[in-house]
Protein backbone atom coordinates (compact mmCIF):
# COMPACT_ATOMS: atom_id res chain seq x y z
CA MET A 1 19.34 -14.14 -51.09
CA MET A 2 15.99 -15.41 -49.82
CA ALA A 3 17.71 -17.21 -46.94
CA SER A 4 19.55 -14.02 -46.07
CA MET A 5 16.32 -12.00 -46.09
CA SER A 6 14.61 -14.66 -43.99
CA SER A 7 17.48 -14.64 -41.52
CA THR A 8 17.34 -10.85 -41.36
CA ARG A 9 13.60 -10.95 -40.67
CA THR A 10 14.11 -13.61 -37.98
CA CYS A 11 16.82 -11.57 -36.26
CA ALA A 12 14.65 -8.46 -36.42
CA THR A 13 11.72 -10.38 -34.93
CA VAL A 14 13.86 -11.79 -32.11
CA ALA A 15 15.32 -8.33 -31.40
CA SER A 16 11.82 -6.87 -31.33
CA LEU A 17 10.60 -9.55 -28.93
CA LEU A 18 13.62 -9.07 -26.68
CA ALA A 19 13.13 -5.30 -26.66
CA SER A 20 9.46 -5.83 -25.82
CA LEU A 21 10.38 -8.23 -23.01
CA VAL A 22 12.92 -5.81 -21.55
CA ALA A 23 10.40 -2.97 -21.74
CA THR A 24 7.76 -5.13 -20.04
CA LEU A 25 10.14 -6.19 -17.25
CA GLY A 26 11.24 -2.59 -16.73
CA ALA A 27 7.66 -1.34 -16.67
CA ASP A 28 6.77 -3.89 -14.02
CA GLN A 29 9.23 -2.37 -11.51
CA TRP A 30 9.34 0.97 -9.69
CA PRO A 31 12.84 0.91 -8.16
CA GLN A 32 13.09 4.47 -6.87
CA TRP A 33 11.15 7.61 -6.15
CA ARG A 34 9.53 8.67 -9.46
CA GLY A 35 10.03 5.27 -11.09
CA PRO A 36 12.45 3.54 -13.48
CA SER A 37 13.74 6.68 -15.21
CA ALA A 38 13.01 9.05 -12.30
CA SER A 39 10.35 10.69 -14.48
CA GLY A 40 7.17 9.64 -12.69
CA VAL A 41 5.92 8.04 -15.93
CA SER A 42 4.93 4.40 -16.44
CA SER A 43 4.71 2.64 -19.81
CA GLU A 44 2.04 0.26 -18.52
CA ALA A 45 -1.54 0.07 -19.80
CA GLY A 46 -4.75 -0.74 -17.97
CA LEU A 47 -3.99 1.39 -14.92
CA PRO A 48 -6.73 1.97 -12.32
CA LEU A 49 -9.31 4.68 -12.90
CA ARG A 50 -11.59 4.54 -9.85
CA TRP A 51 -11.17 3.46 -6.24
CA SER A 52 -12.21 4.23 -2.68
CA ASP A 53 -11.74 2.73 0.78
CA THR A 54 -14.10 -0.07 -0.22
CA GLU A 55 -13.69 -0.24 -4.02
CA ASN A 56 -10.85 -1.53 -6.21
CA ILE A 57 -8.38 -1.98 -3.34
CA ALA A 58 -6.37 -5.17 -3.90
CA TRP A 59 -5.02 -5.00 -0.35
CA LYS A 60 -3.92 -2.61 2.35
CA ALA A 61 -1.26 -3.17 4.98
CA SER A 62 -0.66 -1.39 8.27
CA LEU A 63 2.82 0.03 8.78
CA THR A 64 4.62 -0.34 12.08
CA GLY A 65 5.95 3.21 11.99
CA LEU A 66 5.06 6.55 10.45
CA GLY A 67 6.50 8.43 7.50
CA ILE A 68 5.96 10.07 4.13
CA SER A 69 8.60 8.30 2.02
CA SER A 70 7.32 6.77 -1.21
CA PRO A 71 7.08 3.01 -1.76
CA ILE A 72 9.27 1.24 -4.30
CA VAL A 73 8.60 -2.07 -6.08
CA TRP A 74 10.91 -4.80 -7.31
CA LYS A 75 9.65 -8.18 -8.54
CA ASP A 76 7.57 -9.74 -5.73
CA LEU A 77 8.23 -7.12 -3.05
CA VAL A 78 7.11 -3.61 -2.12
CA PHE A 79 9.45 -1.68 0.19
CA VAL A 80 8.73 1.30 2.44
CA THR A 81 10.61 3.08 5.21
CA SER A 82 9.20 4.57 8.39
CA GLN A 83 10.04 5.79 11.87
CA VAL A 84 9.00 4.50 15.28
CA GLY A 85 9.19 7.01 18.12
CA ASN A 86 9.17 10.77 18.09
CA GLY A 87 12.00 13.13 17.33
CA GLU A 88 11.85 16.89 17.68
CA ILE A 89 9.21 18.50 15.50
CA ARG A 90 8.32 22.16 15.16
CA PRO A 91 5.56 24.13 13.44
CA GLY A 92 6.58 25.61 10.12
CA PRO A 93 5.11 27.35 7.08
CA ARG A 94 2.05 25.78 5.50
CA LEU A 95 1.07 25.63 1.85
CA VAL A 96 -2.36 27.04 2.66
CA GLN A 97 -2.25 30.77 3.32
CA GLY A 98 -5.08 33.12 4.18
CA GLY A 99 -7.31 30.35 5.56
CA ASN A 100 -7.43 27.40 7.92
CA PRO A 101 -5.01 24.71 6.68
CA LEU A 102 -6.99 22.02 8.52
CA ASP A 103 -10.12 22.89 6.57
CA ALA A 104 -8.18 22.35 3.34
CA GLY A 105 -6.82 19.01 4.48
CA GLU A 106 -3.32 20.16 5.44
CA ARG A 107 -2.29 18.84 8.83
CA PRO A 108 0.77 17.60 10.74
CA LEU A 109 2.10 14.07 10.64
CA ALA A 110 0.57 11.97 13.40
CA THR A 111 2.82 11.28 16.37
CA GLY A 112 3.73 7.79 17.45
CA PRO A 113 3.58 6.41 20.99
CA ALA A 114 5.78 8.02 23.61
CA SER A 115 9.22 6.46 23.51
CA ASP A 116 11.42 8.60 25.77
CA ARG A 117 12.87 10.12 22.59
CA LYS A 118 14.06 6.69 21.47
CA VAL A 119 13.72 6.51 17.70
CA THR A 120 14.03 3.45 15.46
CA PHE A 121 14.01 3.44 11.66
CA LEU A 122 12.36 0.62 9.72
CA VAL A 123 12.72 -0.86 6.26
CA SER A 124 9.62 -3.01 5.61
CA ALA A 125 9.01 -5.47 2.79
CA PHE A 126 5.53 -6.60 1.71
CA ASP A 127 4.44 -9.30 -0.69
CA ARG A 128 3.35 -7.51 -3.83
CA SER A 129 0.43 -9.85 -4.52
CA SER A 130 -1.13 -10.14 -1.08
CA GLY A 131 0.27 -7.31 1.07
CA ARG A 132 1.62 -9.77 3.66
CA ARG A 133 4.56 -8.38 5.60
CA MET A 134 7.59 -10.47 4.65
CA TRP A 135 10.23 -8.91 6.87
CA GLU A 136 11.19 -5.73 8.71
CA PHE A 137 14.69 -4.40 9.27
CA GLU A 138 15.26 -2.19 12.34
CA LEU A 139 17.91 0.50 12.63
CA PRO A 140 18.15 2.38 15.96
CA ALA A 141 18.70 6.10 15.48
CA GLU A 142 22.15 7.24 16.55
CA GLY A 143 23.48 10.64 17.51
CA PRO A 144 21.59 13.93 17.78
CA LEU A 145 18.14 14.04 16.18
CA ALA A 146 17.70 17.11 14.02
CA SER A 147 14.39 18.93 14.34
CA VAL A 148 12.02 18.66 11.38
CA HIS A 149 8.88 20.34 10.05
CA GLU A 150 5.76 18.98 11.71
CA LYS A 151 4.46 17.53 8.42
CA HIS A 152 7.18 14.86 8.19
CA ASN A 153 9.84 13.05 10.23
CA LEU A 154 13.35 11.62 9.93
CA ALA A 155 12.19 8.88 7.53
CA SER A 156 11.29 11.14 4.62
CA PRO A 157 13.87 9.97 2.03
CA SER A 158 12.46 7.21 -0.18
CA PRO A 159 14.41 3.94 -0.51
CA VAL A 160 15.97 2.77 -3.77
CA THR A 161 16.98 -0.64 -5.14
CA ASP A 162 19.27 -1.93 -7.87
CA GLY A 163 17.62 -5.36 -7.83
CA GLU A 164 20.27 -6.76 -5.49
CA ARG A 165 19.99 -4.60 -2.39
CA VAL A 166 17.65 -1.99 -0.91
CA TYR A 167 19.28 1.26 0.20
CA ALA A 168 17.51 3.30 2.86
CA TRP A 169 18.70 6.69 4.10
CA PHE A 170 17.45 8.63 7.11
CA ALA A 171 17.72 12.24 8.22
CA THR A 172 20.28 11.51 10.94
CA GLY A 173 22.69 10.67 8.11
CA GLN A 174 22.43 6.92 8.68
CA ILE A 175 22.23 4.78 5.54
CA VAL A 176 21.87 1.00 5.25
CA ALA A 177 22.01 -1.55 2.46
CA VAL A 178 19.91 -4.65 3.12
CA ASP A 179 19.43 -7.70 0.92
CA PHE A 180 16.08 -9.03 -0.27
CA ALA A 181 15.83 -11.25 2.80
CA GLY A 182 16.08 -8.22 5.09
CA LYS A 183 19.68 -8.90 6.19
CA LEU A 184 22.17 -6.08 6.66
CA VAL A 185 24.85 -5.87 3.97
CA TRP A 186 26.51 -2.63 5.12
CA LYS A 187 25.77 0.59 6.96
CA LYS A 188 27.29 4.05 7.39
CA HIS A 189 26.59 7.12 9.50
CA LEU A 190 27.37 10.24 7.48
CA GLY A 191 26.24 12.46 10.33
CA ALA A 192 28.99 11.01 12.50
CA ASP A 193 31.56 10.92 9.69
CA TYR A 194 31.10 14.42 8.25
CA GLY A 195 28.99 16.41 10.71
CA PRO A 196 25.35 16.61 11.83
CA PHE A 197 22.59 16.68 9.19
CA GLN A 198 21.25 20.18 9.89
CA ILE A 199 18.96 21.88 7.40
CA ASN A 200 16.12 24.23 8.25
CA TRP A 201 13.09 21.90 7.95
CA GLY A 202 14.82 18.52 7.97
CA HIS A 203 16.67 16.45 5.37
CA GLY A 204 14.50 15.21 2.47
CA SER A 205 16.78 14.13 -0.39
CA SER A 206 16.51 10.46 -1.42
CA PRO A 207 19.40 8.19 -2.48
CA VAL A 208 20.00 7.38 -6.15
CA VAL A 209 21.65 4.22 -7.50
CA SER A 210 23.46 4.07 -10.84
CA ARG A 211 26.46 2.15 -12.22
CA ASP A 212 27.22 0.42 -8.90
CA ARG A 213 27.25 3.75 -7.09
CA VAL A 214 24.89 5.14 -4.45
CA VAL A 215 24.73 8.90 -4.97
CA LEU A 216 23.79 11.06 -1.97
CA LEU A 217 23.11 14.80 -1.97
CA CYS A 218 24.11 16.23 1.42
CA TYR A 219 23.71 19.98 0.94
CA HIS A 220 23.20 21.21 4.50
CA GLU A 221 23.82 24.33 6.52
CA ARG A 222 26.89 23.06 8.38
CA ALA A 223 28.45 20.98 5.59
CA SER A 224 27.58 20.67 1.90
CA TYR A 225 28.83 17.81 -0.25
CA LEU A 226 27.88 15.33 -2.94
CA LEU A 227 28.90 11.77 -2.09
CA ALA A 228 29.18 8.50 -4.01
CA LEU A 229 29.43 5.15 -2.22
CA ASP A 230 30.24 1.73 -3.63
CA ALA A 231 26.87 -0.04 -3.81
CA LYS A 232 28.32 -3.42 -2.81
CA THR A 233 30.43 -2.34 0.17
CA GLY A 234 29.46 1.19 1.19
CA ALA A 235 33.05 2.37 0.70
CA VAL A 236 33.43 6.02 -0.30
CA ALA A 237 34.09 6.32 -4.04
CA TRP A 238 34.38 10.10 -3.96
CA LYS A 239 33.24 13.18 -2.03
CA ALA A 240 32.80 16.55 -3.73
CA ASP A 241 32.46 19.52 -1.37
CA ALA A 242 30.25 22.51 -2.16
CA PRO A 243 30.68 26.00 -0.68
CA ALA A 244 29.52 26.35 2.91
CA GLY A 245 25.85 27.22 3.23
CA VAL A 246 24.67 25.69 -0.07
CA THR A 247 21.48 23.75 0.74
CA SER A 248 19.03 21.45 -0.99
CA TYR A 249 16.06 19.24 -0.16
CA SER A 250 15.97 17.85 -3.71
CA THR A 251 16.91 14.40 -5.00
CA PRO A 252 19.69 14.41 -7.64
CA LEU A 253 19.05 13.11 -11.16
CA VAL A 254 21.52 10.91 -13.07
CA ILE A 255 21.40 11.33 -16.85
CA GLU A 256 23.28 10.14 -19.93
CA THR A 257 24.24 12.98 -22.26
CA GLY A 258 26.91 13.60 -24.88
CA GLY A 259 28.47 10.20 -24.31
CA LYS A 260 28.95 10.75 -20.58
CA THR A 261 27.04 10.50 -17.31
CA GLU A 262 26.06 13.59 -15.34
CA ILE A 263 24.42 14.23 -11.99
CA VAL A 264 21.95 17.12 -12.06
CA VAL A 265 21.38 19.01 -8.80
CA ASN A 266 18.75 21.60 -7.82
CA SER A 267 20.24 23.72 -5.00
CA SER A 268 19.95 27.05 -3.24
CA VAL A 269 22.46 28.62 -5.65
CA GLY A 270 21.02 27.24 -8.90
CA VAL A 271 20.98 24.16 -11.10
CA SER A 272 24.23 22.34 -11.78
CA GLY A 273 25.62 19.35 -13.64
CA HIS A 274 28.34 17.19 -12.08
CA ASP A 275 30.72 14.56 -13.41
CA PHE A 276 29.46 11.14 -12.35
CA SER A 277 33.00 9.81 -11.93
CA THR A 278 34.25 12.51 -9.57
CA GLY A 279 31.36 14.76 -8.51
CA ALA A 280 33.16 17.78 -9.95
CA ARG A 281 30.85 20.54 -11.14
CA LEU A 282 30.78 20.85 -14.93
CA TRP A 283 28.18 23.58 -15.45
CA GLN A 284 25.74 25.73 -13.54
CA PHE A 285 22.66 27.89 -14.00
CA GLU A 286 23.04 30.49 -11.29
CA GLU A 287 19.85 31.49 -9.49
CA ALA A 288 19.26 31.84 -5.75
CA ASN A 289 16.39 29.90 -4.16
CA ARG A 290 15.52 29.58 -0.47
CA PHE A 291 13.89 26.14 -0.63
CA PRO A 292 15.05 24.04 -3.59
CA ILE A 293 12.84 20.96 -3.21
CA PRO A 294 11.61 19.62 -6.61
CA THR A 295 13.61 17.10 -8.62
CA PRO A 296 14.35 17.50 -12.37
CA VAL A 297 13.19 15.17 -15.14
CA PHE A 298 15.02 14.44 -18.38
CA HIS A 299 13.55 13.81 -21.83
CA ASN A 300 15.06 13.83 -25.32
CA GLY A 301 18.19 15.68 -24.27
CA VAL A 302 16.45 18.39 -22.20
CA ILE A 303 16.20 18.81 -18.41
CA PHE A 304 12.82 20.10 -17.19
CA LEU A 305 12.46 21.33 -13.62
CA SER A 306 10.91 23.76 -11.21
CA ARG A 307 13.07 25.33 -8.52
CA GLY A 308 10.72 25.21 -5.51
CA TYR A 309 9.36 27.74 -3.00
CA ARG A 310 6.22 29.77 -3.51
CA SER A 311 5.21 30.35 -7.15
CA SER A 312 8.46 28.80 -8.27
CA PRO A 313 10.18 29.46 -11.59
CA PHE A 314 10.26 26.51 -13.99
CA MET A 315 12.50 25.94 -16.99
CA ALA A 316 14.06 23.75 -19.65
CA ILE A 317 17.86 23.43 -19.79
CA ARG A 318 20.16 21.50 -22.10
CA PRO A 319 22.87 19.59 -20.20
CA ASP A 320 26.40 18.88 -21.37
CA GLY A 321 27.50 22.48 -20.85
CA THR A 322 30.57 24.21 -19.44
CA GLY A 323 30.70 26.91 -16.80
CA ASN A 324 27.81 29.35 -16.49
CA VAL A 325 25.10 28.21 -18.96
CA VAL A 326 22.57 30.99 -18.34
CA SER A 327 23.06 32.43 -21.83
CA SER A 328 23.95 29.22 -23.69
CA ASN A 329 21.88 26.22 -22.53
CA VAL A 330 18.56 27.60 -21.29
CA VAL A 331 15.85 26.58 -23.75
CA TRP A 332 13.15 28.56 -21.95
CA ARG A 333 12.37 29.84 -18.46
CA VAL A 334 9.08 30.95 -16.90
CA ALA A 335 9.53 33.22 -13.90
CA SER A 336 6.69 31.94 -11.71
CA GLY A 337 3.74 29.58 -11.40
CA ALA A 338 5.26 26.22 -10.38
CA PRO A 339 4.71 24.43 -7.04
CA TYR A 340 6.53 24.96 -3.77
CA ILE A 341 7.23 21.25 -3.11
CA SER A 342 5.97 18.81 -5.74
CA SER A 343 8.01 18.14 -8.87
CA ILE A 344 6.72 18.70 -12.40
CA ILE A 345 6.04 15.82 -14.76
CA TYR A 346 6.74 15.57 -18.50
CA TYR A 347 4.19 13.44 -20.38
CA ASP A 348 3.66 13.28 -24.15
CA GLY A 349 5.09 16.72 -24.90
CA LEU A 350 3.41 18.53 -22.03
CA ILE A 351 4.45 19.68 -18.56
CA TYR A 352 1.90 19.07 -15.78
CA MET A 353 2.10 20.59 -12.32
CA THR A 354 -0.21 21.10 -9.40
CA GLY A 355 0.15 24.32 -7.44
CA ASP A 356 0.30 24.13 -3.67
CA VAL A 357 -3.40 24.79 -3.15
CA GLY A 358 -5.00 23.14 -6.13
CA VAL A 359 -4.26 25.02 -9.35
CA LEU A 360 -3.48 22.68 -12.25
CA THR A 361 -1.19 24.10 -14.93
CA VAL A 362 -0.29 22.47 -18.23
CA ALA A 363 2.52 23.93 -20.35
CA ASP A 364 3.96 23.11 -23.75
CA ALA A 365 7.32 21.41 -23.17
CA LYS A 366 8.90 22.97 -26.29
CA THR A 367 8.20 26.57 -25.32
CA GLY A 368 7.04 26.68 -21.68
CA GLU A 369 3.86 28.40 -22.86
CA ARG A 370 0.85 27.76 -20.64
CA VAL A 371 -1.85 25.91 -22.59
CA HIS A 372 -4.29 25.13 -19.77
CA GLN A 373 -4.99 26.20 -16.20
CA GLU A 374 -7.83 25.49 -13.81
CA ARG A 375 -8.53 25.25 -10.10
CA ILE A 376 -9.11 21.63 -9.12
CA GLY A 377 -8.88 21.86 -5.33
CA GLY A 378 -6.64 20.08 -2.87
CA VAL A 379 -3.24 20.64 -1.26
CA TYR A 380 -0.27 19.02 -3.01
CA THR A 381 3.01 17.77 -1.61
CA ALA A 382 3.25 14.49 -3.56
CA SER A 383 4.55 14.69 -7.13
CA PRO A 384 2.29 13.58 -10.02
CA VAL A 385 2.66 10.23 -11.76
CA ALA A 386 1.38 9.31 -15.22
CA GLY A 387 0.72 6.40 -17.55
CA ASP A 388 -1.93 4.82 -19.76
CA GLY A 389 -3.05 8.27 -20.95
CA LYS A 390 -3.75 9.36 -17.37
CA VAL A 391 -2.12 11.78 -14.95
CA TYR A 392 -2.59 11.09 -11.24
CA LEU A 393 -2.59 14.05 -8.83
CA VAL A 394 -2.39 12.97 -5.17
CA SER A 395 -3.71 15.47 -2.64
CA GLU A 396 -2.83 15.55 1.05
CA ASP A 397 -6.46 15.09 2.13
CA GLY A 398 -6.71 11.60 0.63
CA GLU A 399 -8.14 12.51 -2.77
CA THR A 400 -6.45 11.44 -6.01
CA ILE A 401 -7.61 13.25 -9.13
CA VAL A 402 -7.25 11.31 -12.38
CA LEU A 403 -6.83 13.41 -15.54
CA ALA A 404 -7.25 12.34 -19.14
CA ALA A 405 -3.96 13.72 -20.44
CA GLY A 406 -3.87 16.37 -23.16
CA ARG A 407 -3.63 20.07 -23.90
CA THR A 408 -7.11 20.49 -22.45
CA PRO A 409 -7.11 17.73 -19.83
CA SER A 410 -10.36 16.58 -18.29
CA ILE A 411 -10.98 15.20 -14.82
CA VAL A 412 -12.23 11.64 -15.30
CA ALA A 413 -12.28 10.55 -11.66
CA ARG A 414 -11.94 11.80 -8.11
CA ASN A 415 -10.94 8.99 -5.77
CA ARG A 416 -10.83 9.41 -2.01
CA LEU A 417 -9.17 7.35 0.71
CA ASN A 418 -9.44 8.01 4.41
CA ALA A 419 -5.74 8.82 4.53
CA ARG A 420 -3.18 11.61 4.63
CA GLN A 421 -1.19 11.35 1.39
CA LEU A 422 2.14 13.15 1.08
CA ALA A 423 4.09 10.34 -0.60
CA SER A 424 4.24 10.05 -4.38
CA PRO A 425 2.66 6.79 -5.62
CA ALA A 426 4.45 3.90 -7.29
CA ILE A 427 3.11 2.15 -10.40
CA ALA A 428 3.83 -1.52 -11.06
CA GLY A 429 1.98 -4.54 -12.42
CA GLY A 430 -1.16 -2.59 -13.24
CA ARG A 431 -1.51 -1.23 -9.70
CA LEU A 432 -0.90 2.05 -7.92
CA PHE A 433 0.85 1.71 -4.56
CA ILE A 434 -0.17 4.63 -2.34
CA ARG A 435 1.41 5.20 1.04
CA SER A 436 -0.32 7.19 3.79
CA ASP A 437 1.26 8.04 7.15
CA ASN A 438 0.74 4.51 8.48
CA THR A 439 -0.86 2.41 5.72
CA LEU A 440 0.21 1.01 2.35
CA PHE A 441 -2.56 0.61 -0.26
CA ALA A 442 -2.42 -1.48 -3.43
CA VAL A 443 -4.96 0.03 -5.81
CA GLY A 444 -6.18 -2.04 -8.72
CA LYS A 445 -7.14 -5.59 -9.62
């Protein structure tokens, strides 16, 4: 009996240690936009509180090209994508209204050197400890270059990794898989295969990797489809067409629910859940939206998301539905008050979001009820990240506000870099990795 109890305790201890090790290894990576679970939340402790251009910067590295895609981290490497050369850009709507956007810190992406309209895409890898550039993969742009909003370029989608390959997608429709030595594994050109990538202000959706599939949301004005590729070969696993004219700038979310895997999509016609094996639509929340940009998050069986556009609705929806779920699966919905571009974040039972021009809102995740609101300043495109009891709000003008999380959050630090920040940060190994137009910063010890 005693031996049995001892054995049980030993097994429990080993299981606990293994679970702790797995959690630690997972926390140390940031494999995609918004982190390991696509939530923007890190389980790490001891995250940076204060920094500046001259304080608490472990290293900074110059990027060859320009862009606003977010960095990702895997083991010893940090990966970013960028663009060399200038495509067609055009002025578009700004987040700041009724004032001078430049005075508020909102300005266009810098332009690169003249290149006779020759554009090259880059996937760059940096040593996580020192910031030394390890390699750079070049992909010449092919086919027509779609015009984009002046605040970004054709390298806006963030890369993703499964620990074996890095997948980088660009707004021409070109996608590559490269190994950790920077060698090409496979490439495809969806713009050539299925039609030009044309969407009003330029493609922005990032790739997602799950279960040996690369999932790509291609909801554009000329052709709308959800696509899954084999991660090892790039072969098409399935293609699910949507009605003509359905658009989205959002990144899809893969979730496990009810014993199956679903892909959640925020689009111009609503929110929908799709079968991971086929792409077929399982359920939908019907609601028109001109600019569906934010990405959902998933916690304890509930999807939380804002829809995008000015004073966006935000809501909580249960997945695993059938057909139209407006009357069956909506937990709560608030008609307005969420950001145009940045996604919301769920952290310790609360929803945090930063309005376009600096209004912080905190809502109770169970009810959607607003529990706190204040004007903090700034212009926000990047989505918040959180961890270690802190919420990080990254403003376009180079300031990052650090909140002590809670129902009445307090600002504990305002940290400024001489940088334009539209990319959401990555968190790994006790550091924040912040990408500006042309520089990668490692913040922390």
